[in-house]
Structure formats: C-alpha cells, structure tokens
C-alpha atoms as a PDB file:
ATOM      1  CA  MET A   1     -56.452  19.973  -0.888  1.00  0.00           C
ATOM      2  CA  THR A   2     -58.993  22.567  -2.075  1.00  0.00           C
ATOM      3  CA  LYS A   3     -62.543  21.233  -1.750  1.00  0.00           C
ATOM      4  CA  ILE A   4     -65.282  22.091  -4.248  1.00  0.00           C
ATOM      5  CA  LEU A   5     -68.953  21.160  -4.058  1.00  0.00           C
ATOM      6  CA  VAL A   6     -70.892  20.982  -7.329  1.00  0.00           C
ATOM      7  CA  VAL A   7     -74.662  21.424  -6.929  1.00  0.00           C
ATOM      8  CA  GLU A   8     -76.120  20.438 -10.297  1.00  0.00           C
ATOM      9  CA  ASP A   9     -79.192  18.342 -11.134  1.00  0.00           C
ATOM     10  CA  GLU A  10     -78.178  17.372 -14.685  1.00  0.00           C
ATOM     11  CA  PRO A  11     -76.115  14.163 -14.302  1.00  0.00           C
ATOM     12  CA  GLY A  12     -74.100  14.678 -17.484  1.00  0.00           C
ATOM     13  CA  ILE A  13     -73.004  18.190 -16.554  1.00  0.00           C
ATOM     14  CA  ALA A  14     -72.318  17.204 -12.937  1.00  0.00           C
ATOM     15  CA  PHE A  15     -70.161  14.262 -14.026  1.00  0.00           C
ATOM     16  CA  SER A  16     -68.231  16.398 -16.515  1.00  0.00           C
ATOM     17  CA  LEU A  17     -67.565  19.066 -13.900  1.00  0.00           C
ATOM     18  CA  GLU A  18     -66.440  16.490 -11.377  1.00  0.00           C
ATOM     19  CA  ILE A  19     -63.937  14.940 -13.823  1.00  0.00           C
ATOM     20  CA  ASP A  20     -62.606  18.279 -15.076  1.00  0.00           C
ATOM     21  CA  LEU A  21     -62.078  19.667 -11.575  1.00  0.00           C
ATOM     22  CA  LYS A  22     -60.521  16.473 -10.232  1.00  0.00           C
ATOM     23  CA  THR A  23     -58.125  16.531 -13.185  1.00  0.00           C
ATOM     24  CA  GLU A  24     -57.036  19.983 -12.005  1.00  0.00           C
ATOM     25  CA  GLY A  25     -56.250  18.590  -8.544  1.00  0.00           C
ATOM     26  CA  TYR A  26     -59.376  19.638  -6.635  1.00  0.00           C
ATOM     27  CA  GLU A  27     -61.298  17.427  -4.218  1.00  0.00           C
ATOM     28  CA  VAL A  28     -64.846  17.346  -5.582  1.00  0.00           C
ATOM     29  CA  GLU A  29     -68.238  16.257  -4.293  1.00  0.00           C
ATOM     30  CA  VAL A  30     -71.580  16.474  -6.112  1.00  0.00           C
ATOM     31  CA  ALA A  31     -75.112  17.145  -4.887  1.00  0.00           C
ATOM     32  CA  ASP A  32     -78.091  16.931  -7.255  1.00  0.00           C
ATOM     33  CA  LYS A  33     -80.553  19.100  -5.324  1.00  0.00           C
ATOM     34  CA  GLY A  34     -80.452  22.458  -3.556  1.00  0.00           C
ATOM     35  CA  GLY A  35     -81.397  21.061  -0.149  1.00  0.00           C
ATOM     36  CA  ALA A  36     -78.858  18.263  -0.445  1.00  0.00           C
ATOM     37  CA  GLY A  37     -76.280  20.854  -1.412  1.00  0.00           C
ATOM     38  CA  LEU A  38     -76.902  22.835   1.773  1.00  0.00           C
ATOM     39  CA  ASP A  39     -76.504  19.661   3.832  1.00  0.00           C
ATOM     40  CA  ARG A  40     -73.211  18.789   2.126  1.00  0.00           C
ATOM     41  CA  ILE A  41     -71.885  22.329   2.601  1.00  0.00           C
ATOM     42  CA  ARG A  42     -72.455  22.078   6.346  1.00  0.00           C
ATOM     43  CA  ALA A  43     -70.809  18.647   6.453  1.00  0.00           C
ATOM     44  CA  MET A  44     -67.781  19.082   4.162  1.00  0.00           C
ATOM     45  CA  ARG A  45     -67.140  22.849   4.497  1.00  0.00           C
ATOM     46  CA  PRO A  46     -65.975  23.359   0.905  1.00  0.00           C
ATOM     47  CA  ASP A  47     -63.655  26.127  -0.237  1.00  0.00           C
ATOM     48  CA  LEU A  48     -65.964  26.964  -3.151  1.00  0.00           C
ATOM     49  CA  VAL A  49     -69.426  26.005  -4.432  1.00  0.00           C
ATOM     50  CA  ILE A  50     -70.449  25.670  -8.074  1.00  0.00           C
ATOM     51  CA  LEU A  51     -74.193  26.199  -8.029  1.00  0.00           C
ATOM     52  CA  ASP A  52     -76.689  25.588 -10.844  1.00  0.00           C
ATOM     53  CA  LEU A  53     -79.321  28.305 -11.112  1.00  0.00           C
ATOM     54  CA  MET A  54     -82.239  26.171 -12.311  1.00  0.00           C
ATOM     55  CA  MET A  55     -83.021  23.210 -10.056  1.00  0.00           C
ATOM     56  CA  PRO A  56     -86.326  21.700  -8.908  1.00  0.00           C
ATOM     57  CA  THR A  57     -87.695  22.194  -5.381  1.00  0.00           C
ATOM     58  CA  MET A  58     -84.984  24.653  -4.281  1.00  0.00           C
ATOM     59  CA  ASP A  59     -83.263  26.623  -7.028  1.00  0.00           C
ATOM     60  CA  GLY A  60     -79.783  28.140  -6.995  1.00  0.00           C
ATOM     61  CA  LEU A  61     -81.029  31.599  -6.041  1.00  0.00           C
ATOM     62  CA  GLU A  62     -82.618  30.275  -2.838  1.00  0.00           C
ATOM     63  CA  VAL A  63     -79.520  28.232  -1.982  1.00  0.00           C
ATOM     64  CA  CYS A  64     -77.330  31.292  -2.536  1.00  0.00           C
ATOM     65  CA  ARG A  65     -79.652  33.451  -0.428  1.00  0.00           C
ATOM     66  CA  ARG A  66     -79.531  30.996   2.481  1.00  0.00           C
ATOM     67  CA  LEU A  67     -75.751  30.717   2.313  1.00  0.00           C
ATOM     68  CA  ARG A  68     -75.327  34.477   2.435  1.00  0.00           C
ATOM     69  CA  GLN A  69     -77.744  34.832   5.360  1.00  0.00           C
ATOM     70  CA  ASP A  70     -75.794  32.304   7.463  1.00  0.00           C
ATOM     71  CA  PRO A  71     -72.699  33.874   9.109  1.00  0.00           C
ATOM     72  CA  ALA A  72     -70.884  30.536   8.772  1.00  0.00           C
ATOM     73  CA  THR A  73     -71.181  30.626   4.970  1.00  0.00           C
ATOM     74  CA  ALA A  74     -71.605  34.345   4.271  1.00  0.00           C
ATOM     75  CA  SER A  75     -68.158  34.600   2.662  1.00  0.00           C
ATOM     76  CA  LEU A  76     -68.138  31.194   0.944  1.00  0.00           C
ATOM     77  CA  PRO A  77     -67.140  31.706  -2.730  1.00  0.00           C
ATOM     78  CA  ILE A  78     -69.984  30.837  -5.120  1.00  0.00           C
ATOM     79  CA  VAL A  79     -69.808  30.393  -8.889  1.00  0.00           C
ATOM     80  CA  MET A  80     -73.260  30.148 -10.430  1.00  0.00           C
ATOM     81  CA  LEU A  81     -74.090  28.196 -13.596  1.00  0.00           C
ATOM     82  CA  THR A  82     -76.764  29.849 -15.744  1.00  0.00           C
ATOM     83  CA  ALA A  83     -78.437  29.249 -19.100  1.00  0.00           C
ATOM     84  CA  LYS A  84     -77.752  31.694 -21.913  1.00  0.00           C
ATOM     85  CA  GLY A  85     -81.198  33.294 -21.745  1.00  0.00           C
ATOM     86  CA  ASP A  86     -81.288  33.823 -17.967  1.00  0.00           C
ATOM     87  CA  GLU A  87     -79.849  37.358 -17.970  1.00  0.00           C
ATOM     88  CA  VAL A  88     -82.295  38.735 -15.395  1.00  0.00           C
ATOM     89  CA  ASP A  89     -81.702  35.769 -13.100  1.00  0.00           C
ATOM     90  CA  ARG A  90     -77.919  36.202 -13.432  1.00  0.00           C
ATOM     91  CA  VAL A  91     -78.191  39.794 -12.238  1.00  0.00           C
ATOM     92  CA  LEU A  92     -80.449  38.676  -9.379  1.00  0.00           C
ATOM     93  CA  GLY A  93     -77.941  35.976  -8.453  1.00  0.00           C
ATOM     94  CA  LEU A  94     -75.178  38.561  -8.262  1.00  0.00           C
ATOM     95  CA  GLU A  95     -77.375  40.825  -6.161  1.00  0.00           C
ATOM     96  CA  ILE A  96     -78.018  37.969  -3.733  1.00  0.00           C
ATOM     97  CA  GLY A  97     -74.316  37.249  -3.436  1.00  0.00           C
ATOM     98  CA  ALA A  98     -72.877  34.969  -6.136  1.00  0.00           C
ATOM     99  CA  ASP A  99     -69.250  35.876  -6.804  1.00  0.00           C
ATOM    100  CA  ASP A 100     -69.239  34.951 -10.481  1.00  0.00           C
ATOM    101  CA  TYR A 101     -71.256  33.103 -13.082  1.00  0.00           C
ATOM    102  CA  VAL A 102     -70.557  30.864 -16.051  1.00  0.00           C
ATOM    103  CA  VAL A 103     -73.042  30.616 -18.912  1.00  0.00           C
ATOM    104  CA  LYS A 104     -74.029  27.208 -20.304  1.00  0.00           C
ATOM    105  CA  PRO A 105     -72.745  25.758 -22.538  1.00  0.00           C
ATOM    106  CA  PHE A 106     -69.232  26.453 -21.288  1.00  0.00           C
ATOM    107  CA  SER A 107     -65.808  24.990 -21.935  1.00  0.00           C
ATOM    108  CA  PRO A 108     -63.932  23.154 -19.151  1.00  0.00           C
ATOM    109  CA  LYS A 109     -61.078  25.638 -19.623  1.00  0.00           C
ATOM    110  CA  GLU A 110     -63.377  28.604 -18.982  1.00  0.00           C
ATOM    111  CA  LEU A 111     -64.939  27.025 -15.905  1.00  0.00           C
ATOM    112  CA  VAL A 112     -61.579  26.099 -14.362  1.00  0.00           C
ATOM    113  CA  ALA A 113     -60.230  29.601 -15.062  1.00  0.00           C
ATOM    114  CA  ARG A 114     -63.201  31.196 -13.300  1.00  0.00           C
ATOM    115  CA  VAL A 115     -62.846  28.831 -10.328  1.00  0.00           C
ATOM    116  CA  ARG A 116     -59.140  29.606 -10.021  1.00  0.00           C
ATOM    117  CA  ALA A 117     -59.779  33.349 -10.207  1.00  0.00           C
ATOM    118  CA  VAL A 118     -62.460  33.277  -7.499  1.00  0.00           C
ATOM    119  CA  LEU A 119     -60.335  31.081  -5.219  1.00  0.00           C
ATOM    120  CA  ARG A 120     -57.259  33.242  -5.737  1.00  0.00           C
ATOM    121  CA  ARG A 121     -59.117  36.386  -4.771  1.00  0.00           C
ATOM    122  CA  SER A 122     -60.703  34.762  -1.734  1.00  0.00           C
ATOM    123  CA  ARG A 123     -57.385  33.663  -0.263  1.00  0.00           C
ATOM    124  CA  SER A 124     -55.817  35.739   2.491  1.00  0.00           C
ATOM    125  CA  ALA A 125     -52.588  37.703   2.318  1.00  0.00           C
ATOM    126  CA  PRO A 126     -50.638  36.854   5.534  1.00  0.00           C
ATOM    127  CA  GLY A 127     -48.612  39.646   7.070  1.00  0.00           C
ATOM    128  CA  ALA A 128     -50.087  42.477   5.003  1.00  0.00           C
ATOM    129  CA  ALA A 129     -50.791  45.704   6.894  1.00  0.00           C
ATOM    130  CA  PRO A 130     -54.478  46.574   7.414  1.00  0.00           C
ATOM    131  CA  LEU A 131     -56.017  49.220   5.157  1.00  0.00           C
ATOM    132  CA  ARG A 132     -57.722  52.033   7.044  1.00  0.00           C
ATOM    133  CA  LEU A 133     -60.071  54.796   5.930  1.00  0.00           C
ATOM    134  CA  GLY A 134     -62.264  56.618   8.407  1.00  0.00           C
ATOM    135  CA  ALA A 135     -64.106  54.001  10.463  1.00  0.00           C
ATOM    136  CA  LEU A 136     -63.301  51.323   7.875  1.00  0.00           C
ATOM    137  CA  VAL A 137     -60.554  48.761   8.536  1.00  0.00           C
ATOM    138  CA  MET A 138     -59.637  46.022   6.066  1.00  0.00           C
ATOM    139  CA  ASP A 139     -57.568  43.145   7.435  1.00  0.00           C
ATOM    140  CA  LEU A 140     -55.888  41.523   4.441  1.00  0.00           C
ATOM    141  CA  GLY A 141     -54.576  38.675   6.564  1.00  0.00           C
ATOM    142  CA  THR A 142     -58.003  37.441   7.633  1.00  0.00           C
ATOM    143  CA  HIS A 143     -59.821  38.783   4.557  1.00  0.00           C
ATOM    144  CA  THR A 144     -62.275  40.692   6.744  1.00  0.00           C
ATOM    145  CA  ALA A 145     -63.517  44.275   6.824  1.00  0.00           C
ATOM    146  CA  SER A 146     -65.062  46.148   9.716  1.00  0.00           C
ATOM    147  CA  VAL A 147     -66.680  49.531  10.316  1.00  0.00           C
ATOM    148  CA  GLY A 148     -66.404  50.931  13.805  1.00  0.00           C
ATOM    149  CA  GLY A 149     -65.227  47.549  15.046  1.00  0.00           C
ATOM    150  CA  GLU A 150     -68.215  45.654  13.606  1.00  0.00           C
ATOM    151  CA  VAL A 151     -67.199  42.973  11.112  1.00  0.00           C
ATOM    152  CA  LEU A 152     -69.042  43.172   7.795  1.00  0.00           C
ATOM    153  CA  ALA A 153     -70.473  40.107   6.043  1.00  0.00           C
ATOM    154  CA  LEU A 154     -68.772  40.702   2.698  1.00  0.00           C
ATOM    155  CA  THR A 155     -68.525  38.178  -0.089  1.00  0.00           C
ATOM    156  CA  PRO A 156     -65.026  37.628  -1.558  1.00  0.00           C
ATOM    157  CA  LYS A 157     -65.891  39.781  -4.581  1.00  0.00           C
ATOM    158  CA  GLU A 158     -67.237  42.599  -2.399  1.00  0.00           C
ATOM    159  CA  PHE A 159     -64.048  42.498  -0.335  1.00  0.00           C
ATOM    160  CA  ASP A 160     -61.855  42.631  -3.443  1.00  0.00           C
ATOM    161  CA  LEU A 161     -63.906  45.457  -4.943  1.00  0.00           C
ATOM    162  CA  LEU A 162     -63.649  47.486  -1.739  1.00  0.00           C
ATOM    163  CA  ARG A 163     -59.908  46.794  -1.546  1.00  0.00           C
ATOM    164  CA  ALA A 164     -59.397  48.017  -5.111  1.00  0.00           C
ATOM    165  CA  LEU A 165     -61.246  51.246  -4.331  1.00  0.00           C
ATOM    166  CA  VAL A 166     -59.363  51.835  -1.064  1.00  0.00           C
ATOM    167  CA  GLU A 167     -55.968  51.136  -2.628  1.00  0.00           C
ATOM    168  CA  ALA A 168     -56.735  53.553  -5.482  1.00  0.00           C
ATOM    169  CA  ARG A 169     -56.603  56.402  -2.902  1.00  0.00           C
ATOM    170  CA  GLY A 170     -59.334  58.485  -4.506  1.00  0.00           C
ATOM    171  CA  ARG A 171     -58.487  57.797  -8.154  1.00  0.00           C
ATOM    172  CA  VAL A 172     -61.360  57.000 -10.495  1.00  0.00           C
ATOM    173  CA  LEU A 173     -61.532  53.321 -11.458  1.00  0.00           C
ATOM    174  CA  SER A 174     -63.412  52.460 -14.628  1.00  0.00           C
ATOM    175  CA  ARG A 175     -65.803  49.526 -14.819  1.00  0.00           C
ATOM    176  CA  GLU A 176     -63.445  47.905 -17.305  1.00  0.00           C
ATOM    177  CA  PHE A 177     -60.520  48.211 -14.884  1.00  0.00           C
ATOM    178  CA  LEU A 178     -62.580  46.739 -12.044  1.00  0.00           C
ATOM    179  CA  LEU A 179     -63.780  43.861 -14.213  1.00  0.00           C
ATOM    180  CA  ASP A 180     -60.163  43.051 -15.038  1.00  0.00           C
ATOM    181  CA  ARG A 181     -58.788  43.591 -11.524  1.00  0.00           C
ATOM    182  CA  VAL A 182     -61.563  42.039  -9.437  1.00  0.00           C
ATOM    183  CA  TRP A 183     -63.277  39.596 -11.792  1.00  0.00           C
ATOM    184  CA  GLY A 184     -60.428  38.775 -14.148  1.00  0.00           C
ATOM    185  CA  TYR A 185     -62.385  39.713 -17.289  1.00  0.00           C
ATOM    186  CA  SER A 186     -60.307  41.296 -20.043  1.00  0.00           C
ATOM    187  CA  ARG A 187     -63.339  42.648 -21.912  1.00  0.00           C
ATOM    188  CA  ALA A 188     -66.598  44.014 -20.534  1.00  0.00           C
ATOM    189  CA  SER A 189     -69.959  42.973 -21.977  1.00  0.00           C
ATOM    190  CA  GLU A 190     -73.226  44.650 -21.023  1.00  0.00           C
ATOM    191  CA  ILE A 191     -74.115  42.106 -18.351  1.00  0.00           C
ATOM    192  CA  GLU A 192     -70.589  42.149 -16.934  1.00  0.00           C
ATOM    193  CA  SER A 193     -70.604  45.957 -16.669  1.00  0.00           C
ATOM    194  CA  ARG A 194     -73.799  45.766 -14.649  1.00  0.00           C
ATOM    195  CA  THR A 195     -72.060  43.218 -12.449  1.00  0.00           C
ATOM    196  CA  VAL A 196     -69.847  46.042 -11.134  1.00  0.00           C
ATOM    197  CA  ASP A 197     -72.855  48.300 -10.516  1.00  0.00           C
ATOM    198  CA  VAL A 198     -74.699  45.544  -8.644  1.00  0.00           C
ATOM    199  CA  HIS A 199     -71.735  44.878  -6.354  1.00  0.00           C
ATOM    200  CA  VAL A 200     -71.152  48.584  -5.702  1.00  0.00           C
ATOM    201  CA  ARG A 201     -74.810  49.017  -4.730  1.00  0.00           C
ATOM    202  CA  ARG A 202     -74.632  46.114  -2.283  1.00  0.00           C
ATOM    203  CA  LEU A 203     -71.318  47.312  -0.901  1.00  0.00           C
ATOM    204  CA  ARG A 204     -72.710  50.765  -0.177  1.00  0.00           C
ATOM    205  CA  VAL A 205     -75.545  49.228   1.842  1.00  0.00           C
ATOM    206  CA  LYS A 206     -73.253  46.951   3.849  1.00  0.00           C
ATOM    207  CA  LEU A 207     -70.829  49.785   4.655  1.00  0.00           C
ATOM    208  CA  GLY A 208     -73.587  51.854   6.252  1.00  0.00           C
ATOM    209  CA  PRO A 209     -72.607  55.536   6.628  1.00  0.00           C
ATOM    210  CA  GLU A 210     -69.159  54.774   5.197  1.00  0.00           C
ATOM    211  CA  GLY A 211     -70.892  53.641   2.004  1.00  0.00           C
ATOM    212  CA  ARG A 212     -71.358  57.296   1.066  1.00  0.00           C
ATOM    213  CA  ARG A 213     -67.636  57.392   0.320  1.00  0.00           C
ATOM    214  CA  ILE A 214     -68.171  55.340  -2.864  1.00  0.00           C
ATOM    215  CA  LEU A 215     -68.861  57.980  -5.487  1.00  0.00           C
ATOM    216  CA  THR A 216     -70.179  57.376  -8.997  1.00  0.00           C
ATOM    217  CA  VAL A 217     -68.311  59.127 -11.797  1.00  0.00           C
ATOM    218  CA  LYS A 218     -70.860  59.326 -14.593  1.00  0.00           C
ATOM    219  CA  SER A 219     -70.045  57.312 -17.732  1.00  0.00           C
ATOM    220  CA  VAL A 220     -66.691  56.271 -16.247  1.00  0.00           C
ATOM    221  CA  GLY A 221     -66.817  54.256 -13.033  1.00  0.00           C
ATOM    222  CA  TYR A 222     -66.282  54.763  -9.316  1.00  0.00           C
ATOM    223  CA  ARG A 223     -63.926  56.340  -6.834  1.00  0.00           C
ATOM    224  CA  LEU A 224     -63.635  56.465  -3.050  1.00  0.00           C
ATOM    225  CA  ASP A 225     -63.841  59.756  -1.165  1.00  0.00           C
ATOM    226  CA  THR A 226     -60.762  59.651   1.066  1.00  0.00           C
ATOM    227  CA  ALA A 227     -61.510  62.847   3.008  1.00  0.00           C
ATOM    228  CA  ALA A 228     -61.543  62.361   6.768  1.00  0.00           C
END
C-alpha cells in the first residue's frame, strides 16, 4: 500500500487530509511539527510527503531543504501546502525541491489529484530502454539519471522535465506543454509558468556541463541541444 506522511500543525486540516487520503486507499500517518516529520520519514519511509509551509520551530522550507540534502530522501516526492498569499515562499519551496504545491483553502478532489499525479510520475517504468544524450544517461527503470557515470540527485519533477526534453529530440517545448506533461496542469497561471523556469534553472546546475544543452527559446519555452 502507498504510504503518505502528512506534516501539518493545524489539527483540523491534518485530520481532514488523513481521512480524505485514507478514503482513497492510501496508508497515512500525521506529524504536527517539522522535526517530528523528519523522524517519521526516517522510520516509515513514505512514498510521498505532504508538507505544510508555515509551521513553528522548523518550517516546511527547512524540512524540504534537509530532505533534499540527504541522499536517502533526495528523490522523495514532496507536495507543499501553502497559503494564498505566500507566492514568494512557494517559488522558494520549488527552488529548494518541492515537486508541487497546493494552495489553501483547497478541495479534497484537488489535493488527491495532485498526489496521484506526483506519485504517477515518480513511479518507474520497468523494461524501458535507457535514454542517452552525450554523457547523459536516463534509466527509466530505476528512475535515475547520470552524467559520466555519476548519478544525479534529481527530484521526480526534475527527472520528468529532463525526460520530456530528451524525448522531444531537439523540438521546442512550450511552458504550457511542460506544465501539462510534467505537472498535469491544463492551464498555466503566472506562478505556474515560473515553476517551469525554476526547475529548468535547477536542472541546468545539477547537469553540470551537460546543462548547457538546455536552451531557452525566448517567449516560447525550452529545447535540448542534441548535437554530439
């Protein structure tokens, strides 16, 4: 059974999330503080974490940062819960490594849809042939990418974004296409469009010299230089 950890300090929201997710067939645990959430993650090894941005003592940004810095949790899918006015913090959360965010107040249907989308994209594809470009190798079976034999610490969203660019074989992909393909959004808002830019910037850094292959097409989107 898929395991989800909810890290949320508001009891009413935490209880609602727990009930909604259990109704969908997930195994759910709840932690009410950031530090307690980190402890539970190490103990239960969840398949996904729903992480509130604003919490006392240790907020969601710090929890997300620590998870991404630890090789054992670097690729753990994270959905962040944010308040409507926290636009800057949402962008920062995505830069640190959250895979998606849901704005409060949200409907149970929206939250479950986002969780399903993130889990679906984080699952492996057994038997699929590796994708290769220059020194880059993407193993779809293990959901890992490496450059020159060194495995990269990519989040699920970064992996899916890179896969979309590689599979496009040099074609330009618009932000709207990437939002639909990678994030599952049918329409792009301003903050969502910047989500693509944030992930591309982080991906370029993690790819090292191979990151120069990701080219910006002004006012359109991105493409990958496939030249040897």
